[in-house]
Amino acid sequence: MKTPTIKTKDFILRPYRKGDRKSLQNNINNKKIYERVSNIPYPYTMKDARDWIKKKLKEERQKKRTSMAFAIDIGREVVGSIGLASMITGHKAEVGYWLAEKYWNKGIMTKAVKLITKFGFSKLKLKRMAIRVLLFNKASRRVAEKAGYKFEGILRKDIKKGNKFLDDYLFAKVK
């Protein structure tokens, strides 16, 4: 399945495009985002942006998908991303996301998580969706809760970031 476009009055969720490199790099290259997201480099370079977009464009052409990433587009600019990983090959997926700092605390990510969750359950026929949140990331924890995800536990030393092993919360929603 190709990544669809989902429009709201506040933003658009859409597949990545070649022209997204500059706005992606500008908006993700933020130490606060790096600290809160488990798997992005910092500084985030134009090469990182180019490699990410190239990878996502290649995935769009694959018949069997194990991940799907949506650019969060406001004013034709990539201001964030939300995606599903470890999906389509089974009955479950993990939701991951980030958002440019200037858009924090506006309800955008909660709305995006709700949309992706609905998409996962209705279109992909998933039965379980999970979100992992680093313990100190209270805002992301609130996003998961507001989107209807339930706390399931703490995963000890689940994330390796640099030379540190970090714990995270596990939230899930089932259908």
N, C-alpha and C. Protein backbone atom coordinates (compact mmCIF):
# COMPACT_ATOMS: atom_id res chain seq x y z
N MET A 1 0.84 -1.18 0.00
CA MET A 1 0.00 0.00 0.00
C MET A 1 0.88 1.25 0.00
N LYS A 2 0.55 2.16 -0.85
CA LYS A 2 1.25 3.45 -0.90
C LYS A 2 0.83 4.30 0.30
N THR A 3 1.72 5.17 0.73
CA THR A 3 1.40 6.09 1.81
C THR A 3 0.36 7.09 1.29
N PRO A 4 -0.80 7.15 1.92
CA PRO A 4 -1.82 8.09 1.44
C PRO A 4 -1.56 9.51 1.92
N THR A 5 -2.34 10.43 1.41
CA THR A 5 -2.34 11.81 1.89
C THR A 5 -3.60 12.00 2.72
N ILE A 6 -3.43 12.54 3.93
CA ILE A 6 -4.55 12.78 4.83
C ILE A 6 -4.54 14.28 5.15
N LYS A 7 -5.61 14.97 4.77
CA LYS A 7 -5.68 16.42 4.96
C LYS A 7 -6.55 16.78 6.15
N THR A 8 -6.08 17.75 6.93
CA THR A 8 -6.87 18.34 8.01
C THR A 8 -6.82 19.84 7.81
N LYS A 9 -7.58 20.58 8.61
CA LYS A 9 -7.54 22.04 8.46
C LYS A 9 -6.23 22.63 8.99
N ASP A 10 -5.53 21.88 9.84
CA ASP A 10 -4.30 22.39 10.45
C ASP A 10 -3.02 21.95 9.75
N PHE A 11 -3.04 20.78 9.12
CA PHE A 11 -1.84 20.22 8.50
C PHE A 11 -2.24 19.12 7.53
N ILE A 12 -1.24 18.66 6.77
CA ILE A 12 -1.42 17.54 5.84
C ILE A 12 -0.42 16.45 6.22
N LEU A 13 -0.88 15.22 6.27
CA LEU A 13 0.01 14.07 6.39
C LEU A 13 0.16 13.52 4.98
N ARG A 14 1.40 13.39 4.53
CA ARG A 14 1.62 12.96 3.14
C ARG A 14 2.94 12.22 3.04
N PRO A 15 3.13 11.52 1.90
CA PRO A 15 4.44 10.87 1.68
C PRO A 15 5.53 11.93 1.52
N TYR A 16 6.74 11.53 1.80
CA TYR A 16 7.89 12.42 1.57
C TYR A 16 8.11 12.59 0.07
N ARG A 17 8.69 13.76 -0.29
CA ARG A 17 9.02 14.07 -1.68
C ARG A 17 10.47 14.53 -1.76
N LYS A 18 11.03 14.47 -2.95
CA LYS A 18 12.42 14.88 -3.15
C LYS A 18 12.68 16.30 -2.66
N GLY A 19 11.77 17.20 -2.87
CA GLY A 19 11.96 18.60 -2.51
C GLY A 19 11.85 18.90 -1.02
N ASP A 20 11.67 17.89 -0.19
CA ASP A 20 11.49 18.09 1.26
C ASP A 20 12.79 18.24 2.04
N ARG A 21 13.92 18.01 1.40
CA ARG A 21 15.19 17.92 2.11
C ARG A 21 15.48 19.15 2.97
N LYS A 22 15.34 20.33 2.42
CA LYS A 22 15.71 21.55 3.15
C LYS A 22 14.82 21.79 4.36
N SER A 23 13.50 21.69 4.18
CA SER A 23 12.61 21.96 5.32
C SER A 23 12.73 20.86 6.37
N LEU A 24 12.96 19.61 5.95
CA LEU A 24 13.19 18.53 6.91
C LEU A 24 14.42 18.84 7.76
N GLN A 25 15.52 19.15 7.11
CA GLN A 25 16.76 19.42 7.83
C GLN A 25 16.61 20.63 8.75
N ASN A 26 15.98 21.68 8.27
CA ASN A 26 15.80 22.90 9.07
C ASN A 26 14.98 22.64 10.33
N ASN A 27 13.95 21.83 10.22
CA ASN A 27 13.02 21.65 11.33
C ASN A 27 13.39 20.55 12.31
N ILE A 28 14.14 19.55 11.88
CA ILE A 28 14.52 18.46 12.79
C ILE A 28 15.86 18.72 13.47
N ASN A 29 16.66 19.61 12.92
CA ASN A 29 18.00 19.88 13.45
C ASN A 29 17.90 20.76 14.70
N ASN A 30 17.48 20.14 15.80
CA ASN A 30 17.21 20.84 17.04
C ASN A 30 17.60 19.90 18.19
N LYS A 31 18.44 20.37 19.07
CA LYS A 31 18.93 19.50 20.15
C LYS A 31 17.80 18.97 21.02
N LYS A 32 16.75 19.77 21.23
CA LYS A 32 15.61 19.32 22.05
C LYS A 32 14.89 18.15 21.38
N ILE A 33 14.77 18.18 20.06
CA ILE A 33 14.16 17.06 19.34
C ILE A 33 15.07 15.84 19.43
N TYR A 34 16.34 16.04 19.19
CA TYR A 34 17.32 14.94 19.27
C TYR A 34 17.24 14.25 20.63
N GLU A 35 17.15 15.02 21.70
CA GLU A 35 17.11 14.45 23.05
C GLU A 35 15.86 13.62 23.30
N ARG A 36 14.77 13.94 22.60
CA ARG A 36 13.48 13.30 22.85
C ARG A 36 13.15 12.16 21.88
N VAL A 37 13.91 12.05 20.80
CA VAL A 37 13.65 11.01 19.80
C VAL A 37 14.80 10.01 19.83
N SER A 38 14.47 8.75 19.81
CA SER A 38 15.49 7.73 20.06
C SER A 38 16.48 7.53 18.91
N ASN A 39 16.09 7.81 17.69
CA ASN A 39 16.92 7.35 16.57
C ASN A 39 17.26 8.40 15.52
N ILE A 40 17.48 9.64 15.92
CA ILE A 40 17.94 10.63 14.95
C ILE A 40 19.30 11.17 15.37
N PRO A 41 20.13 11.53 14.40
CA PRO A 41 21.44 12.11 14.74
C PRO A 41 21.32 13.60 15.06
N TYR A 42 22.36 14.10 15.71
CA TYR A 42 22.48 15.54 15.93
C TYR A 42 23.95 15.91 15.86
N PRO A 43 24.32 16.93 15.12
CA PRO A 43 23.42 17.71 14.27
C PRO A 43 22.87 16.88 13.10
N TYR A 44 21.69 17.26 12.66
CA TYR A 44 21.03 16.59 11.54
C TYR A 44 21.41 17.35 10.27
N THR A 45 22.18 16.71 9.42
CA THR A 45 22.76 17.36 8.25
C THR A 45 21.88 17.23 7.02
N MET A 46 22.24 17.96 5.98
CA MET A 46 21.55 17.83 4.69
C MET A 46 21.72 16.41 4.14
N LYS A 47 22.88 15.80 4.40
CA LYS A 47 23.10 14.41 3.97
C LYS A 47 22.13 13.48 4.69
N ASP A 48 21.92 13.70 6.00
CA ASP A 48 20.95 12.90 6.75
C ASP A 48 19.55 13.04 6.14
N ALA A 49 19.17 14.27 5.82
CA ALA A 49 17.86 14.52 5.21
C ALA A 49 17.75 13.85 3.85
N ARG A 50 18.79 13.98 3.04
CA ARG A 50 18.79 13.35 1.72
C ARG A 50 18.68 11.83 1.83
N ASP A 51 19.44 11.24 2.75
CA ASP A 51 19.42 9.79 2.94
C ASP A 51 18.05 9.31 3.43
N TRP A 52 17.45 10.05 4.36
CA TRP A 52 16.12 9.69 4.87
C TRP A 52 15.09 9.71 3.76
N ILE A 53 15.07 10.79 2.98
CA ILE A 53 14.08 10.92 1.91
C ILE A 53 14.30 9.85 0.85
N LYS A 54 15.54 9.60 0.51
CA LYS A 54 15.86 8.54 -0.46
C LYS A 54 15.33 7.19 0.03
N LYS A 55 15.53 6.90 1.30
CA LYS A 55 15.05 5.64 1.90
C LYS A 55 13.52 5.57 1.84
N LYS A 56 12.85 6.66 2.17
CA LYS A 56 11.38 6.66 2.18
C LYS A 56 10.82 6.54 0.76
N LEU A 57 11.46 7.17 -0.22
CA LEU A 57 11.02 7.05 -1.61
C LEU A 57 11.19 5.62 -2.11
N LYS A 58 12.27 4.97 -1.70
CA LYS A 58 12.50 3.57 -2.07
C LYS A 58 11.43 2.67 -1.44
N GLU A 59 11.11 2.92 -0.17
CA GLU A 59 10.07 2.13 0.50
C GLU A 59 8.72 2.27 -0.19
N GLU A 60 8.43 3.46 -0.72
CA GLU A 60 7.15 3.68 -1.42
C GLU A 60 6.99 2.74 -2.62
N ARG A 61 8.10 2.32 -3.20
CA ARG A 61 8.05 1.44 -4.38
C ARG A 61 7.96 -0.04 -4.02
N GLN A 62 8.13 -0.37 -2.75
CA GLN A 62 8.13 -1.77 -2.34
C GLN A 62 6.70 -2.30 -2.18
N LYS A 63 6.52 -3.55 -2.57
CA LYS A 63 5.20 -4.17 -2.41
C LYS A 63 4.97 -4.61 -0.97
N LYS A 64 5.98 -5.21 -0.35
CA LYS A 64 5.88 -5.62 1.06
C LYS A 64 6.53 -4.54 1.91
N ARG A 65 5.72 -3.85 2.69
CA ARG A 65 6.23 -2.75 3.49
C ARG A 65 6.31 -3.14 4.96
N THR A 66 7.37 -2.72 5.61
CA THR A 66 7.48 -2.92 7.05
C THR A 66 7.45 -1.59 7.79
N SER A 67 7.38 -0.50 7.04
CA SER A 67 7.25 0.81 7.67
C SER A 67 6.55 1.76 6.71
N MET A 68 6.02 2.83 7.28
CA MET A 68 5.35 3.85 6.49
C MET A 68 5.55 5.17 7.22
N ALA A 69 6.07 6.16 6.53
CA ALA A 69 6.33 7.47 7.15
C ALA A 69 5.55 8.55 6.43
N PHE A 70 4.95 9.41 7.23
CA PHE A 70 4.21 10.56 6.73
C PHE A 70 4.96 11.83 7.11
N ALA A 71 5.14 12.73 6.16
CA ALA A 71 5.62 14.07 6.48
C ALA A 71 4.43 14.85 7.03
N ILE A 72 4.67 15.63 8.08
CA ILE A 72 3.65 16.56 8.57
C ILE A 72 3.93 17.88 7.88
N ASP A 73 3.02 18.28 7.02
CA ASP A 73 3.20 19.42 6.13
C ASP A 73 2.31 20.58 6.59
N ILE A 74 2.94 21.70 6.87
CA ILE A 74 2.22 22.94 7.14
C ILE A 74 2.82 23.99 6.22
N GLY A 75 2.00 24.57 5.37
CA GLY A 75 2.47 25.59 4.44
C GLY A 75 3.53 25.07 3.48
N ARG A 76 3.37 23.85 3.00
CA ARG A 76 4.30 23.20 2.06
C ARG A 76 5.70 23.01 2.63
N GLU A 77 5.76 22.88 3.95
CA GLU A 77 7.03 22.67 4.63
C GLU A 77 6.91 21.46 5.56
N VAL A 78 7.94 20.61 5.57
CA VAL A 78 7.95 19.47 6.49
C VAL A 78 8.31 20.00 7.87
N VAL A 79 7.32 19.95 8.78
CA VAL A 79 7.52 20.45 10.13
C VAL A 79 7.54 19.31 11.15
N GLY A 80 7.40 18.10 10.66
CA GLY A 80 7.42 16.95 11.55
C GLY A 80 7.22 15.69 10.74
N SER A 81 7.15 14.59 11.48
CA SER A 81 6.94 13.29 10.83
C SER A 81 6.24 12.37 11.81
N ILE A 82 5.45 11.48 11.24
CA ILE A 82 4.82 10.43 12.04
C ILE A 82 4.83 9.18 11.18
N GLY A 83 5.10 8.07 11.80
CA GLY A 83 5.17 6.85 11.01
C GLY A 83 4.84 5.61 11.79
N LEU A 84 4.73 4.54 11.04
CA LEU A 84 4.47 3.21 11.58
C LEU A 84 5.65 2.33 11.24
N ALA A 85 6.16 1.63 12.22
CA ALA A 85 7.28 0.71 11.99
C ALA A 85 6.86 -0.69 12.41
N SER A 86 7.58 -1.67 11.88
CA SER A 86 7.32 -3.08 12.18
C SER A 86 5.87 -3.43 11.88
N MET A 87 5.36 -2.92 10.79
CA MET A 87 3.96 -3.16 10.47
C MET A 87 3.80 -3.84 9.13
N ILE A 88 2.60 -4.16 8.81
CA ILE A 88 2.18 -4.82 7.59
C ILE A 88 2.60 -6.28 7.55
N THR A 89 3.72 -6.62 8.17
CA THR A 89 4.13 -8.02 8.19
C THR A 89 3.38 -8.80 9.26
N GLY A 90 2.60 -8.12 10.06
CA GLY A 90 1.89 -8.79 11.12
C GLY A 90 0.66 -8.02 11.53
N HIS A 91 0.30 -8.15 12.78
CA HIS A 91 -0.93 -7.54 13.29
C HIS A 91 -0.69 -6.28 14.11
N LYS A 92 0.56 -5.84 14.20
CA LYS A 92 0.84 -4.70 15.07
C LYS A 92 1.85 -3.75 14.45
N ALA A 93 1.90 -2.54 15.02
CA ALA A 93 2.84 -1.53 14.56
C ALA A 93 3.24 -0.65 15.73
N GLU A 94 4.39 -0.01 15.58
CA GLU A 94 4.84 0.97 16.55
C GLU A 94 4.77 2.35 15.89
N VAL A 95 4.23 3.31 16.62
CA VAL A 95 4.09 4.67 16.13
C VAL A 95 5.27 5.49 16.65
N GLY A 96 5.90 6.23 15.76
CA GLY A 96 6.97 7.14 16.13
C GLY A 96 6.71 8.51 15.54
N TYR A 97 7.19 9.55 16.20
CA TYR A 97 6.89 10.90 15.71
C TYR A 97 7.86 11.94 16.27
N TRP A 98 7.93 13.06 15.57
CA TRP A 98 8.62 14.25 16.05
C TRP A 98 7.94 15.45 15.41
N LEU A 99 8.12 16.62 16.02
CA LEU A 99 7.50 17.85 15.52
C LEU A 99 8.43 19.02 15.80
N ALA A 100 8.53 19.93 14.85
CA ALA A 100 9.35 21.14 15.02
C ALA A 100 8.91 21.88 16.27
N GLU A 101 9.88 22.40 17.02
CA GLU A 101 9.61 23.02 18.31
C GLU A 101 8.59 24.15 18.23
N LYS A 102 8.60 24.92 17.17
CA LYS A 102 7.67 26.06 17.11
C LYS A 102 6.21 25.62 17.02
N TYR A 103 5.96 24.33 16.78
CA TYR A 103 4.60 23.81 16.70
C TYR A 103 4.20 22.99 17.94
N TRP A 104 5.07 22.94 18.94
CA TRP A 104 4.76 22.20 20.16
C TRP A 104 3.59 22.87 20.91
N ASN A 105 2.85 22.07 21.65
CA ASN A 105 1.75 22.54 22.51
C ASN A 105 0.61 23.19 21.74
N LYS A 106 0.36 22.72 20.53
CA LYS A 106 -0.74 23.24 19.73
C LYS A 106 -1.75 22.14 19.38
N GLY A 107 -1.54 20.92 19.89
CA GLY A 107 -2.46 19.82 19.62
C GLY A 107 -2.23 19.12 18.30
N ILE A 108 -1.23 19.54 17.56
CA ILE A 108 -0.96 18.97 16.24
C ILE A 108 -0.59 17.49 16.35
N MET A 109 0.34 17.16 17.24
CA MET A 109 0.80 15.78 17.30
C MET A 109 -0.28 14.85 17.84
N THR A 110 -1.05 15.29 18.79
CA THR A 110 -2.15 14.44 19.29
C THR A 110 -3.11 14.12 18.15
N LYS A 111 -3.44 15.13 17.36
CA LYS A 111 -4.34 14.92 16.22
C LYS A 111 -3.70 13.98 15.20
N ALA A 112 -2.41 14.15 14.94
CA ALA A 112 -1.71 13.29 13.98
C ALA A 112 -1.69 11.84 14.46
N VAL A 113 -1.44 11.63 15.77
CA VAL A 113 -1.42 10.26 16.32
C VAL A 113 -2.81 9.64 16.20
N LYS A 114 -3.84 10.40 16.48
CA LYS A 114 -5.21 9.87 16.34
C LYS A 114 -5.49 9.46 14.90
N LEU A 115 -5.06 10.28 13.95
CA LEU A 115 -5.28 9.97 12.53
C LEU A 115 -4.52 8.71 12.10
N ILE A 116 -3.27 8.60 12.52
CA ILE A 116 -2.45 7.44 12.16
C ILE A 116 -3.01 6.18 12.81
N THR A 117 -3.49 6.31 14.03
CA THR A 117 -4.07 5.17 14.73
C THR A 117 -5.32 4.69 14.00
N LYS A 118 -6.18 5.62 13.63
CA LYS A 118 -7.39 5.26 12.88
C LYS A 118 -7.00 4.60 11.56
N PHE A 119 -6.01 5.15 10.86
CA PHE A 119 -5.54 4.59 9.60
C PHE A 119 -5.01 3.17 9.81
N GLY A 120 -4.20 2.96 10.84
CA GLY A 120 -3.63 1.65 11.12
C GLY A 120 -4.69 0.59 11.39
N PHE A 121 -5.70 0.96 12.19
CA PHE A 121 -6.75 -0.01 12.52
C PHE A 121 -7.71 -0.23 11.35
N SER A 122 -8.10 0.83 10.66
CA SER A 122 -9.11 0.66 9.61
C SER A 122 -8.53 0.22 8.27
N LYS A 123 -7.47 0.83 7.82
CA LYS A 123 -6.93 0.52 6.48
C LYS A 123 -5.92 -0.63 6.49
N LEU A 124 -5.10 -0.70 7.52
CA LEU A 124 -4.07 -1.75 7.58
C LEU A 124 -4.53 -2.97 8.37
N LYS A 125 -5.71 -2.84 9.00
CA LYS A 125 -6.31 -3.96 9.76
C LYS A 125 -5.42 -4.43 10.91
N LEU A 126 -4.67 -3.48 11.51
CA LEU A 126 -3.83 -3.82 12.65
C LEU A 126 -4.71 -4.08 13.87
N LYS A 127 -4.19 -4.85 14.80
CA LYS A 127 -4.91 -5.17 16.03
C LYS A 127 -4.28 -4.48 17.24
N ARG A 128 -3.02 -4.07 17.11
CA ARG A 128 -2.32 -3.45 18.24
C ARG A 128 -1.38 -2.38 17.70
N MET A 129 -1.39 -1.23 18.37
CA MET A 129 -0.46 -0.16 18.03
C MET A 129 0.18 0.32 19.32
N ALA A 130 1.49 0.55 19.28
CA ALA A 130 2.23 0.92 20.48
C ALA A 130 3.04 2.19 20.25
N ILE A 131 3.33 2.87 21.35
CA ILE A 131 4.18 4.06 21.35
C ILE A 131 5.15 3.90 22.51
N ARG A 132 6.44 4.10 22.24
CA ARG A 132 7.45 4.10 23.30
C ARG A 132 7.90 5.54 23.51
N VAL A 133 7.97 5.94 24.78
CA VAL A 133 8.29 7.32 25.14
C VAL A 133 9.39 7.33 26.19
N LEU A 134 10.46 8.07 25.94
CA LEU A 134 11.51 8.21 26.95
C LEU A 134 10.91 8.79 28.24
N LEU A 135 11.38 8.31 29.39
CA LEU A 135 10.76 8.62 30.67
C LEU A 135 10.60 10.12 30.94
N PHE A 136 11.58 10.92 30.54
CA PHE A 136 11.53 12.35 30.85
C PHE A 136 10.65 13.15 29.89
N ASN A 137 10.17 12.51 28.82
CA ASN A 137 9.42 13.23 27.78
C ASN A 137 7.93 13.28 28.12
N LYS A 138 7.59 14.18 29.04
CA LYS A 138 6.22 14.29 29.53
C LYS A 138 5.23 14.69 28.43
N ALA A 139 5.67 15.55 27.53
CA ALA A 139 4.77 16.00 26.46
C ALA A 139 4.39 14.84 25.55
N SER A 140 5.34 14.01 25.20
CA SER A 140 5.05 12.87 24.33
C SER A 140 4.17 11.85 25.06
N ARG A 141 4.39 11.71 26.35
CA ARG A 141 3.54 10.81 27.15
C ARG A 141 2.09 11.31 27.12
N ARG A 142 1.90 12.63 27.23
CA ARG A 142 0.55 13.21 27.17
C ARG A 142 -0.08 13.02 25.80
N VAL A 143 0.72 13.11 24.75
CA VAL A 143 0.20 12.87 23.39
C VAL A 143 -0.37 11.45 23.31
N ALA A 144 0.40 10.47 23.79
CA ALA A 144 -0.05 9.07 23.75
C ALA A 144 -1.35 8.91 24.54
N GLU A 145 -1.39 9.49 25.74
CA GLU A 145 -2.59 9.36 26.58
C GLU A 145 -3.79 10.04 25.94
N LYS A 146 -3.62 11.25 25.42
CA LYS A 146 -4.73 11.97 24.79
C LYS A 146 -5.24 11.26 23.54
N ALA A 147 -4.36 10.50 22.89
CA ALA A 147 -4.76 9.75 21.69
C ALA A 147 -5.39 8.40 22.06
N GLY A 148 -5.55 8.14 23.35
CA GLY A 148 -6.25 6.94 23.78
C GLY A 148 -5.37 5.72 24.03
N TYR A 149 -4.06 5.92 24.07
CA TYR A 149 -3.14 4.82 24.35
C TYR A 149 -3.05 4.63 25.86
N LYS A 150 -2.94 3.38 26.27
CA LYS A 150 -2.89 3.04 27.70
C LYS A 150 -1.47 2.64 28.10
N PHE A 151 -1.06 3.08 29.27
CA PHE A 151 0.25 2.74 29.81
C PHE A 151 0.31 1.24 30.10
N GLU A 152 1.36 0.58 29.62
CA GLU A 152 1.52 -0.85 29.85
C GLU A 152 2.72 -1.18 30.73
N GLY A 153 3.71 -0.29 30.78
CA GLY A 153 4.85 -0.57 31.63
C GLY A 153 6.07 0.22 31.23
N ILE A 154 7.16 -0.07 31.93
CA ILE A 154 8.44 0.57 31.66
C ILE A 154 9.39 -0.47 31.08
N LEU A 155 10.00 -0.14 29.97
CA LEU A 155 10.98 -1.02 29.32
C LEU A 155 12.37 -0.56 29.75
N ARG A 156 13.02 -1.36 30.57
CA ARG A 156 14.32 -1.01 31.12
C ARG A 156 15.42 -1.12 30.07
N LYS A 157 16.27 -0.10 30.02
CA LYS A 157 17.40 -0.05 29.09
C LYS A 157 16.99 -0.46 27.67
N ASP A 158 15.87 0.05 27.25
CA ASP A 158 15.29 -0.31 25.95
C ASP A 158 15.94 0.46 24.80
N ILE A 159 16.41 1.64 25.05
CA ILE A 159 16.96 2.51 24.01
C ILE A 159 18.44 2.75 24.29
N LYS A 160 19.24 2.64 23.24
CA LYS A 160 20.65 3.03 23.35
C LYS A 160 20.81 4.34 22.58
N LYS A 161 21.21 5.37 23.28
CA LYS A 161 21.40 6.69 22.69
C LYS A 161 22.80 7.13 23.04
N GLY A 162 23.66 7.18 22.04
CA GLY A 162 25.06 7.45 22.31
C GLY A 162 25.63 6.28 23.10
N ASN A 163 26.22 6.57 24.24
CA ASN A 163 26.77 5.53 25.11
C ASN A 163 25.86 5.18 26.28
N LYS A 164 24.65 5.74 26.29
CA LYS A 164 23.73 5.53 27.40
C LYS A 164 22.61 4.58 27.01
N PHE A 165 22.16 3.81 27.99
CA PHE A 165 20.98 2.97 27.84
C PHE A 165 19.86 3.62 28.63
N LEU A 166 18.73 3.87 27.98
CA LEU A 166 17.64 4.61 28.59
C LEU A 166 16.38 3.75 28.71
N ASP A 167 15.61 4.03 29.75
CA ASP A 167 14.32 3.38 29.94
C ASP A 167 13.27 4.17 29.17
N ASP A 168 12.20 3.48 28.79
CA ASP A 168 11.07 4.20 28.21
C ASP A 168 9.76 3.58 28.65
N TYR A 169 8.72 4.40 28.53
CA TYR A 169 7.36 3.95 28.81
C TYR A 169 6.82 3.26 27.56
N LEU A 170 6.00 2.25 27.78
CA LEU A 170 5.30 1.59 26.68
C LEU A 170 3.82 1.89 26.83
N PHE A 171 3.25 2.46 25.78
CA PHE A 171 1.81 2.72 25.70
C PHE A 171 1.28 1.90 24.52
N ALA A 172 0.05 1.43 24.62
CA ALA A 172 -0.53 0.68 23.51
C ALA A 172 -2.02 0.93 23.42
N LYS A 173 -2.52 0.68 22.23
CA LYS A 173 -3.95 0.73 21.96
C LYS A 173 -4.27 -0.51 21.15
N VAL A 174 -5.34 -1.19 21.51
CA VAL A 174 -5.73 -2.39 20.79
C VAL A 174 -7.13 -2.24 20.23
N LYS A 175 -7.38 -2.99 19.16
CA LYS A 175 -8.71 -2.95 18.55
C LYS A 175 -9.35 -4.29 18.77
